[in-house]
Amino acid sequence: MTTPSTPRNIQLFVDGSYDPLKRLGGWGVIAVRNDVHIGSRSGSISCADNSAPELVAVLEALRWLEVNAIGEVATIWSDSSYAVTGCNKWRHIWRTNRWRKRAPNGKGRSRDVPNSDLWRALDACLTRCDMIEIAWCKGHVGLPWNEQADALARHAAKPAVLGIAGS
């Protein structure tokens, strides 16, 4: 877990889970202030890849902050380096390129950024919430709040949560 650049009172731990056979994803968010649980949420999505639930988890954490902690300084912790790097670096490039990826050498075809609808929503939220830091933490190493977010996401990804009969 890296250390945030500014002291943060509110920490949100997020995680996503994905079942490729059922093409179902789950996401979980745990909100903590001074190491005391102050809120949580989770949900399910039908999706085509494992990245979408990770992105939705960050997006839902931002939405939670917009309702429950307006104007407060916060850190959102994710164990997805894709989500963290995308939020902190790539989204600016993708927005400039109209949500298309370009080859590093400038040659070749550009292609749509996967899950561009989620990236656009994340970009809009992060632009509004400039006091929010997105940081990486190592997953599955016993960090209690991260483990709880993981458990919420795994539970939400189960077919029964969506009202779908399991096979």
Protein backbone atom coordinates (compact mmCIF):
# COMPACT_ATOMS: atom_id res chain seq x y z
CA MET A 1 0.00 0.00 0.00
CA THR A 2 1.45 3.35 -0.96
CA THR A 3 1.06 6.39 1.25
CA PRO A 4 -1.22 9.18 0.02
CA SER A 5 0.49 12.50 -0.71
CA THR A 6 -1.81 14.40 1.72
CA PRO A 7 -3.31 13.25 5.05
CA ARG A 8 -6.75 11.81 4.34
CA ASN A 9 -9.52 11.37 6.88
CA ILE A 10 -11.74 9.28 4.63
CA GLN A 11 -10.42 6.12 3.02
CA LEU A 12 -12.50 4.06 0.61
CA PHE A 13 -11.45 0.54 -0.29
CA VAL A 14 -12.86 -0.81 -3.53
CA ASP A 15 -12.73 -4.10 -5.37
CA GLY A 16 -14.29 -5.88 -8.29
CA SER A 17 -14.92 -9.54 -8.99
CA TYR A 18 -15.73 -11.28 -12.26
CA ASP A 19 -17.07 -14.68 -13.29
CA PRO A 20 -16.06 -15.21 -16.94
CA LEU A 21 -18.30 -18.25 -17.40
CA LYS A 22 -21.42 -16.38 -16.36
CA ARG A 23 -20.14 -12.97 -17.55
CA LEU A 24 -21.19 -11.46 -14.23
CA GLY A 25 -19.31 -8.92 -12.20
CA GLY A 26 -19.62 -7.65 -8.68
CA TRP A 27 -18.19 -4.60 -7.00
CA GLY A 28 -17.74 -3.56 -3.40
CA VAL A 29 -16.93 -0.32 -1.58
CA ILE A 30 -15.99 0.09 2.09
CA ALA A 31 -15.79 3.64 3.52
CA VAL A 32 -13.66 4.28 6.59
CA ARG A 33 -12.97 7.41 8.65
CA ASN A 34 -10.09 7.22 11.14
CA ASP A 35 -10.15 3.42 10.83
CA VAL A 36 -13.87 3.20 11.70
CA HIS A 37 -16.34 1.78 9.17
CA ILE A 38 -18.78 4.53 8.09
CA GLY A 39 -20.44 3.01 5.04
CA SER A 40 -20.45 0.36 2.36
CA ARG A 41 -22.19 -0.53 -0.84
CA SER A 42 -22.03 -3.26 -3.44
CA GLY A 43 -23.75 -4.36 -6.59
CA SER A 44 -23.74 -6.58 -9.63
CA ILE A 45 -23.28 -5.92 -13.32
CA SER A 46 -23.45 -7.97 -16.46
CA CYS A 47 -20.16 -7.39 -18.27
CA ALA A 48 -17.73 -8.81 -20.79
CA ASP A 49 -14.43 -8.48 -18.90
CA ASN A 50 -12.85 -8.29 -15.46
CA SER A 51 -11.98 -4.60 -15.77
CA ALA A 52 -15.56 -3.32 -15.71
CA PRO A 53 -16.33 -4.33 -12.08
CA GLU A 54 -13.06 -2.72 -10.92
CA LEU A 55 -13.98 0.52 -12.69
CA VAL A 56 -17.56 0.47 -11.40
CA ALA A 57 -16.21 0.04 -7.86
CA VAL A 58 -14.13 3.23 -8.18
CA LEU A 59 -17.07 5.05 -9.79
CA GLU A 60 -19.43 4.00 -6.99
CA ALA A 61 -16.88 5.12 -4.38
CA LEU A 62 -16.78 8.54 -6.05
CA ARG A 63 -20.58 8.68 -6.09
CA TRP A 64 -20.65 7.74 -2.39
CA LEU A 65 -18.26 10.60 -1.65
CA GLU A 66 -20.36 13.07 -3.65
CA VAL A 67 -23.38 12.28 -1.45
CA ASN A 68 -21.82 11.52 1.95
CA ALA A 69 -18.60 13.53 2.13
CA ILE A 70 -18.97 16.58 -0.08
CA GLY A 71 -15.75 18.59 -0.26
CA GLU A 72 -13.76 16.29 1.99
CA VAL A 73 -10.28 15.08 1.19
CA ALA A 74 -10.29 11.32 0.59
CA THR A 75 -8.32 8.43 -0.83
CA ILE A 76 -9.85 5.60 -2.83
CA TRP A 77 -7.72 2.46 -2.55
CA SER A 78 -7.89 -0.17 -5.31
CA ASP A 79 -5.84 -3.30 -5.90
CA SER A 80 -6.37 -2.88 -9.66
CA SER A 81 -3.31 -1.22 -11.17
CA TYR A 82 -5.34 -0.83 -14.39
CA ALA A 83 -8.02 1.23 -12.61
CA VAL A 84 -5.50 3.29 -10.63
CA THR A 85 -3.21 4.06 -13.58
CA GLY A 86 -6.21 4.70 -15.80
CA CYS A 87 -7.66 7.21 -13.34
CA ASN A 88 -4.37 8.96 -12.62
CA LYS A 89 -2.74 8.97 -16.05
CA TRP A 90 -4.44 7.38 -19.03
CA ARG A 91 -7.86 9.06 -18.79
CA HIS A 92 -6.32 12.46 -19.54
CA ILE A 93 -4.71 11.06 -22.69
CA TRP A 94 -7.82 9.16 -23.73
CA ARG A 95 -10.03 12.24 -23.26
CA THR A 96 -7.67 14.27 -25.48
CA ASN A 97 -7.82 11.48 -28.08
CA ARG A 98 -11.66 11.35 -27.93
CA TRP A 99 -11.64 8.09 -25.96
CA ARG A 100 -9.54 6.25 -28.50
CA LYS A 101 -6.21 4.49 -27.99
CA ARG A 102 -3.43 5.36 -30.37
CA ALA A 103 -0.36 3.29 -31.18
CA PRO A 104 2.69 4.57 -29.23
CA ASN A 105 4.55 5.33 -32.46
CA GLY A 106 1.58 7.25 -33.89
CA LYS A 107 1.22 4.77 -36.72
CA GLY A 108 -1.49 2.20 -37.12
CA ARG A 109 -5.17 2.41 -36.39
CA SER A 110 -6.64 3.91 -33.30
CA ARG A 111 -9.24 1.89 -31.46
CA ASP A 112 -11.90 2.60 -28.89
CA VAL A 113 -10.85 2.51 -25.26
CA PRO A 114 -12.50 -0.57 -23.69
CA ASN A 115 -15.32 0.39 -21.30
CA SER A 116 -15.16 3.98 -22.56
CA ASP A 117 -18.60 4.69 -21.06
CA LEU A 118 -17.20 3.90 -17.60
CA TRP A 119 -14.02 5.88 -18.25
CA ARG A 120 -16.06 8.91 -19.33
CA ALA A 121 -18.14 8.69 -16.15
CA LEU A 122 -14.99 8.31 -14.03
CA ASP A 123 -13.40 11.27 -15.78
CA ALA A 124 -16.46 13.44 -15.11
CA CYS A 125 -16.53 12.48 -11.40
CA LEU A 126 -12.79 12.91 -10.91
CA THR A 127 -12.91 16.30 -12.61
CA ARG A 128 -15.62 17.41 -10.15
CA CYS A 129 -13.90 15.80 -7.13
CA ASP A 130 -10.42 17.29 -7.23
CA MET A 131 -9.73 16.49 -3.55
CA ILE A 132 -9.87 12.75 -4.19
CA GLU A 133 -6.75 10.65 -4.64
CA ILE A 134 -6.84 7.23 -6.31
CA ALA A 135 -4.13 4.99 -4.85
CA TRP A 136 -2.99 1.39 -5.28
CA CYS A 137 -2.87 -1.22 -2.55
CA LYS A 138 -1.74 -4.80 -2.87
CA GLY A 139 -4.68 -7.18 -2.87
CA HIS A 140 -5.08 -10.47 -1.01
CA VAL A 141 -2.39 -9.79 1.58
CA GLY A 142 -4.62 -9.43 4.61
CA LEU A 143 -5.44 -5.70 4.58
CA PRO A 144 -8.74 -5.87 6.49
CA TRP A 145 -10.68 -3.13 4.65
CA ASN A 146 -9.49 -4.36 1.25
CA GLU A 147 -10.49 -7.90 2.19
CA GLN A 148 -13.97 -6.68 3.15
CA ALA A 149 -14.36 -4.86 -0.18
CA ASP A 150 -13.24 -8.06 -1.92
CA ALA A 151 -15.81 -10.11 0.00
CA LEU A 152 -18.60 -7.68 -0.95
CA ALA A 153 -17.56 -7.83 -4.62
CA ARG A 154 -17.35 -11.64 -4.67
CA HIS A 155 -20.76 -11.96 -3.03
CA ALA A 156 -22.31 -9.45 -5.44
CA ALA A 157 -20.95 -11.39 -8.44
CA LYS A 158 -22.91 -14.52 -7.51
CA PRO A 159 -25.85 -15.29 -9.82
CA ALA A 160 -28.36 -15.42 -6.93
CA VAL A 161 -27.64 -11.76 -6.20
CA LEU A 162 -28.91 -10.90 -9.68
CA GLY A 163 -31.84 -13.27 -9.36
CA ILE A 164 -30.33 -15.68 -11.86
CA ALA A 165 -30.50 -19.41 -11.23
CA GLY A 166 -27.04 -20.90 -10.86
CA SER A 167 -25.97 -23.84 -12.96
